[in-house]
Protein backbone atom coordinates (compact mmCIF):
# COMPACT_ATOMS: atom_id res chain seq x y z
CA MET A 1 0.00 0.00 0.00
CA VAL A 2 1.30 3.45 -0.91
CA LYS A 3 1.69 5.86 1.98
CA PRO A 4 -0.14 9.14 1.35
CA SER A 5 2.23 12.01 0.69
CA ALA A 6 2.25 15.40 2.34
CA GLN A 7 0.71 16.73 -0.87
CA ASP A 8 -2.14 14.22 -0.61
CA HIS A 9 -2.77 15.38 2.94
CA MET A 10 -2.71 19.04 1.87
CA PHE A 11 -5.08 18.39 -1.03
CA ARG A 12 -7.53 16.62 1.25
CA GLU A 13 -7.40 19.53 3.70
CA TRP A 14 -8.04 22.02 0.91
CA GLU A 15 -10.91 19.96 -0.48
CA SER A 16 -12.47 19.70 2.97
CA LEU A 17 -12.07 23.42 3.59
CA LEU A 18 -13.59 24.28 0.20
CA THR A 19 -16.53 21.93 0.78
CA LYS A 20 -17.27 23.46 4.19
CA VAL A 21 -16.89 27.04 2.95
CA ARG A 22 -19.27 26.36 0.06
CA LYS A 23 -21.77 24.82 2.47
CA TYR A 24 -21.69 27.76 4.90
CA GLN A 25 -20.68 30.62 2.60
CA ASP A 26 -23.78 32.59 3.53
CA GLU A 27 -22.30 33.06 7.00
CA LEU A 28 -19.05 34.46 5.59
CA ALA A 29 -19.59 37.75 3.79
CA GLY A 30 -16.83 38.48 1.25
CA VAL A 31 -15.42 34.93 1.28
CA ALA A 32 -15.80 34.38 -2.49
CA PRO A 33 -12.42 35.77 -3.64
CA PHE A 34 -10.56 33.75 -1.00
CA ARG A 35 -12.54 30.59 -1.77
CA ASP A 36 -11.98 31.06 -5.49
CA ALA A 37 -8.25 31.64 -4.99
CA LEU A 38 -7.95 28.37 -3.05
CA ALA A 39 -10.08 26.52 -5.60
CA THR A 40 -7.87 27.79 -8.43
CA ALA A 41 -4.66 26.93 -6.58
CA HIS A 42 -6.01 23.47 -5.75
CA PHE A 43 -7.01 22.78 -9.34
CA THR A 44 -3.65 24.00 -10.67
CA ALA A 45 -1.68 21.96 -8.13
CA VAL A 46 -3.62 18.75 -8.80
CA THR A 47 -3.34 19.24 -12.56
CA SER A 48 0.39 19.94 -12.32
CA ARG A 49 1.03 16.91 -10.13
CA ASN A 50 -0.92 14.68 -12.51
CA ALA A 51 1.07 16.04 -15.46
CA ARG A 52 4.33 15.49 -13.57
CA ASP A 53 3.36 11.91 -12.71
CA THR A 54 2.42 11.22 -16.34
CA LEU A 55 5.72 12.65 -17.57
CA ALA A 56 7.67 10.68 -14.97
CA ALA A 57 6.02 7.44 -16.11
CA ALA A 58 6.74 8.31 -19.74
CA ALA A 59 10.36 9.12 -18.88
CA MET A 60 10.76 5.77 -17.15
CA GLU A 61 9.35 3.97 -20.19
CA GLU A 62 11.64 5.88 -22.55
CA THR A 63 14.63 5.12 -20.32
CA ARG A 64 13.77 1.42 -20.51
CA ARG A 65 13.49 1.63 -24.30
CA LEU A 66 16.77 3.56 -24.52
CA ASN A 67 18.56 0.94 -22.42
CA GLU A 68 17.19 -1.83 -24.64
CA ALA A 69 18.36 0.01 -27.78
CA LEU A 70 21.80 0.63 -26.28
CA ALA A 71 22.16 -3.05 -25.39
CA ALA A 72 21.06 -4.10 -28.88
CA GLY A 73 23.50 -1.59 -30.39
CA ARG A 74 26.41 -2.88 -28.28
CA ASP A 75 25.61 -6.45 -29.35
CA ALA A 76 25.27 -5.47 -33.02
CA ALA A 77 28.55 -3.49 -32.95
CA ALA A 78 30.38 -6.44 -31.36
CA CYS A 79 28.94 -8.84 -33.96
CA LEU A 80 29.94 -6.49 -36.79
CA ARG A 81 33.49 -6.15 -35.45
CA HIS A 82 33.79 -9.93 -35.13
CA TYR A 83 32.51 -10.35 -38.67
CA ILE A 84 35.02 -7.82 -40.04
CA LYS A 85 37.83 -9.60 -38.19
CA SER A 86 36.67 -12.96 -39.57
CA VAL A 87 36.70 -11.61 -43.14
CA LEU A 88 39.91 -9.59 -42.96
CA GLY A 89 41.77 -11.65 -40.38
CA VAL A 90 42.63 -10.72 -36.83
CA ARG A 91 46.10 -9.46 -37.80
CA SER A 92 45.09 -7.45 -40.87
CA GLU A 93 46.30 -3.87 -41.07
CA LYS A 94 42.97 -3.01 -42.73
CA LEU A 95 41.19 -3.38 -39.38
CA GLY A 96 42.36 0.13 -38.49
CA ARG A 97 40.09 1.53 -41.22
CA TYR A 98 37.16 0.37 -39.13
CA GLY A 99 38.54 1.54 -35.80
CA ILE A 100 39.34 -2.02 -34.76
CA LYS A 101 42.61 -2.95 -33.17
CA GLY A 102 44.04 -6.19 -34.43
CA HIS A 103 46.41 -8.58 -32.77
CA LYS A 104 50.00 -7.42 -33.13
CA ARG A 105 52.46 -9.76 -34.68
CA VAL A 106 55.04 -11.01 -32.28
CA ARG A 107 58.49 -10.97 -33.82
CA SER A 108 60.87 -13.67 -32.80
CA ALA A 109 64.45 -12.75 -32.22
């Protein structure tokens, strides 16, 4: 179970206050601008938090997709390098054209 956040608590307090003020607004002359200011702030805050949560979820999904693509790219690059080495030979000087280091020849004395 998810523990309610401080924001959740604040939103519930605001909602309760707004409900009670609307119910008894006849007793509170001039309350409308204050009530409306809180209602606007509440709506904006809830909307912003929902947008943030949606964007955070989308960012997590895109991060997962990025990591999958990076892993696939690393595998594909390794396979391509191995293929080039198999065609040209592991000691070929042509490997440098592809940014691949080959095995150096060991000279016997």
